[in-house]
Structure formats: structure tokens, C-alpha cells
Amino acid sequence: MRLTTFSDYSIRVIIYLGIQRGELAKIADIASAYSISENHLTKVVHFLSQNNYIETIRGKGGGLRLVRDPKTINIGELIRLTEGDAGFLPCLDTEDACCIQSVCKLRGILREAQTALYAVFDQYSMADLLVSEERLARILIKQLM
């Protein structure tokens, strides 16, 4: 499985905001720190805001910040949200997606693999990704200079 760029950027935004410890950040700073597109990041920020992970404050002196403690942000939950409900292959989501679907053993294997993958993600929170917070901050802030 390969995560979408949207999921990747969602995780990156939360990591960045997690090291900010409630301080406001700007989309431009996050984009610059990671060398990624501000346009894509804007869509991610909107999505995370709509799903109550971050708060956006408009106007002069505005920015964004986490509204949830990183310990309460489960990685599996976040990836399910950003990736959607789609299975590894269309045959996991709909009947009659393939002519051999009724006898195919791969479907069961893929379901088992997908369940195992999410079981691993479910064991971790965003706080687990912030254990090297000082080192992360030095790297990300250095990127801004």
C-alpha cells in the first residue's frame, strides 16, 4: 500500500503543529519547512480544520494550531479519514468488480493484510511521532532560515 500525498501532508502538518506547542503557524512556513506546495497544503489544512484536528485563525496575526493533544490523535484513525474507505483493490469494496471474484483467494489475503496494516497504525498516536521533538524542531525551523 502506498499512502496518498494527502495523507502524508496531513501527518506532516500535525507533526509541525505538534512541535509548535500551541503557537500559531502559517501555511507558508509549513510548506517552506517541508519544501511542499502551499496550494496542496491549503486543501489539507482545510480538511484538518473541518475534522477538528486544527484551528485556523484568519486575519493579521492569524495562523493555525492543533486543537487536539497529539496523544489523542490516533494514526490509524487519521489515515482512515484521509485515505477514505477504499480497499487495496476495487474487489474489496464492491461485488462483481472482477470476473473471478467469487472464487478468488486473493480477496481474503488482501482483507487480512489491510486489517493487519491498520492494526499497526492503531497502536500509535501522533505523540509517538513527536518523541524527538527538539530534533524535529531544529530540522524544520532550520529549513525556514
Protein backbone atom coordinates (compact mmCIF):
# COMPACT_ATOMS: atom_id res chain seq x y z
CA MET A 1 0.00 0.00 0.00
CA ARG A 2 1.15 3.49 -0.73
CA LEU A 3 -0.38 6.38 1.18
CA THR A 4 -1.64 9.32 -0.79
CA THR A 5 0.16 12.65 -0.73
CA PHE A 6 -2.90 13.99 1.09
CA SER A 7 -2.33 11.58 4.00
CA ASP A 8 1.39 12.33 4.01
CA TYR A 9 0.80 16.08 4.15
CA SER A 10 -1.85 15.67 6.86
CA ILE A 11 0.64 13.86 9.07
CA ARG A 12 3.33 16.45 8.30
CA VAL A 13 1.03 19.34 9.25
CA ILE A 14 0.16 17.71 12.56
CA ILE A 15 3.84 16.99 13.30
CA TYR A 16 4.76 20.61 12.55
CA LEU A 17 1.94 21.98 14.67
CA GLY A 18 2.77 19.49 17.41
CA ILE A 19 6.25 20.91 17.79
CA GLN A 20 4.80 24.42 17.85
CA ARG A 21 3.10 23.63 21.20
CA GLY A 22 0.07 25.82 20.61
CA GLU A 23 1.91 28.66 18.89
CA LEU A 24 0.32 29.82 15.66
CA ALA A 25 1.95 28.70 12.42
CA LYS A 26 1.43 29.81 8.85
CA ILE A 27 0.81 27.57 5.86
CA ALA A 28 3.73 29.24 4.09
CA ASP A 29 6.09 28.29 6.93
CA ILE A 30 4.96 24.66 6.91
CA ALA A 31 5.24 24.48 3.12
CA SER A 32 8.70 26.01 3.24
CA ALA A 33 9.90 23.73 6.04
CA TYR A 34 8.92 20.61 4.11
CA SER A 35 9.54 22.04 0.61
CA ILE A 36 5.99 21.23 -0.47
CA SER A 37 3.25 23.08 -2.34
CA GLU A 38 1.27 25.72 -0.46
CA ASN A 39 -1.74 25.01 -2.70
CA HIS A 40 -1.85 21.34 -1.71
CA LEU A 41 -1.22 22.23 1.91
CA THR A 42 -4.13 24.68 1.91
CA LYS A 43 -6.51 21.84 0.99
CA VAL A 44 -5.04 19.64 3.72
CA VAL A 45 -5.34 22.41 6.32
CA HIS A 46 -8.96 23.00 5.35
CA PHE A 47 -9.69 19.26 5.69
CA LEU A 48 -7.94 19.01 9.07
CA SER A 49 -9.83 22.07 10.27
CA GLN A 50 -13.18 20.66 9.12
CA ASN A 51 -12.39 17.45 11.03
CA ASN A 52 -11.44 19.26 14.25
CA TYR A 53 -7.74 18.46 14.28
CA ILE A 54 -6.61 22.05 13.86
CA GLU A 55 -7.93 25.55 14.35
CA THR A 56 -7.49 28.24 11.73
CA ILE A 57 -7.48 31.89 12.69
CA ARG A 58 -7.95 34.46 9.94
CA GLY A 59 -6.56 37.94 9.66
CA LYS A 60 -3.50 39.77 10.80
CA GLY A 61 -1.66 37.71 13.37
CA GLY A 62 -3.66 34.65 12.37
CA GLY A 63 -2.47 31.17 11.57
CA LEU A 64 -3.21 27.63 12.59
CA ARG A 65 -2.62 25.37 15.56
CA LEU A 66 -3.56 21.96 16.86
CA VAL A 67 -6.76 21.80 18.87
CA ARG A 68 -6.22 18.23 19.99
CA ASP A 69 -3.46 16.83 22.14
CA PRO A 70 -1.16 14.71 19.92
CA LYS A 71 -1.72 11.81 22.36
CA THR A 72 -5.39 11.76 21.31
CA ILE A 73 -4.72 11.70 17.57
CA ASN A 74 -4.59 8.06 16.55
CA ILE A 75 -2.56 7.50 13.38
CA GLY A 76 -4.85 4.71 12.16
CA GLU A 77 -7.91 6.91 12.60
CA LEU A 78 -6.24 9.80 10.77
CA ILE A 79 -5.15 7.60 7.85
CA ARG A 80 -8.59 6.02 7.54
CA LEU A 81 -10.04 9.52 7.40
CA THR A 82 -7.57 10.84 4.82
CA GLU A 83 -7.47 7.69 2.69
CA GLY A 84 -11.20 7.00 2.76
CA ASP A 85 -12.81 3.59 2.93
CA ALA A 86 -11.31 2.17 -0.25
CA GLY A 87 -9.70 -1.24 -0.04
CA PHE A 88 -6.43 -2.23 -1.64
CA LEU A 89 -8.31 -3.27 -4.78
CA PRO A 90 -11.83 -2.50 -6.07
CA CYS A 91 -12.88 -6.11 -5.45
CA LEU A 92 -12.70 -5.50 -1.71
CA ASP A 93 -15.25 -2.71 -1.94
CA THR A 94 -17.82 -3.90 -4.46
CA GLU A 95 -19.28 -7.13 -5.70
CA ASP A 96 -18.79 -8.09 -9.33
CA ALA A 97 -15.66 -5.95 -9.68
CA CYS A 98 -13.85 -8.90 -11.28
CA CYS A 99 -14.96 -11.99 -13.17
CA ILE A 100 -13.13 -14.37 -10.77
CA GLN A 101 -14.17 -12.57 -7.62
CA SER A 102 -16.47 -15.33 -6.40
CA VAL A 103 -13.61 -17.86 -6.24
CA CYS A 104 -10.60 -15.61 -5.79
CA LYS A 105 -8.47 -16.30 -2.71
CA LEU A 106 -6.57 -13.01 -3.07
CA ARG A 107 -9.53 -11.07 -1.66
CA GLY A 108 -9.22 -12.81 1.70
CA ILE A 109 -5.48 -12.29 1.77
CA LEU A 110 -5.87 -8.59 0.94
CA ARG A 111 -8.53 -8.14 3.62
CA GLU A 112 -6.25 -9.80 6.16
CA ALA A 113 -3.31 -7.62 5.11
CA GLN A 114 -5.38 -4.44 5.25
CA THR A 115 -6.69 -5.33 8.70
CA ALA A 116 -3.14 -6.04 9.91
CA LEU A 117 -1.83 -2.78 8.46
CA TYR A 118 -4.45 -0.70 10.23
CA ALA A 119 -3.95 -2.69 13.43
CA VAL A 120 -0.33 -1.48 13.45
CA PHE A 121 -1.33 2.14 12.72
CA ASP A 122 -3.92 1.94 15.50
CA GLN A 123 -1.19 1.24 18.07
CA TYR A 124 0.32 4.70 17.65
CA SER A 125 -0.66 8.30 18.24
CA MET A 126 0.83 11.47 16.82
CA ALA A 127 2.62 11.90 20.16
CA ASP A 128 4.70 8.85 19.23
CA LEU A 129 5.97 10.76 16.20
CA LEU A 130 6.96 13.72 18.37
CA VAL A 131 9.34 11.87 20.70
CA SER A 132 12.30 13.64 19.06
CA GLU A 133 10.51 16.98 19.26
CA GLU A 134 13.61 19.10 19.78
CA ARG A 135 15.46 17.48 16.90
CA LEU A 136 12.39 17.80 14.68
CA ALA A 137 12.09 21.47 15.58
CA ARG A 138 15.75 22.11 14.76
CA ILE A 139 15.34 20.46 11.35
CA LEU A 140 12.05 22.14 10.45
CA ILE A 141 12.99 25.57 11.75
CA LYS A 142 16.38 25.31 10.01
CA GLN A 143 14.52 24.75 6.74
CA LEU A 144 12.87 28.15 7.22
CA MET A 145 16.17 30.03 7.54
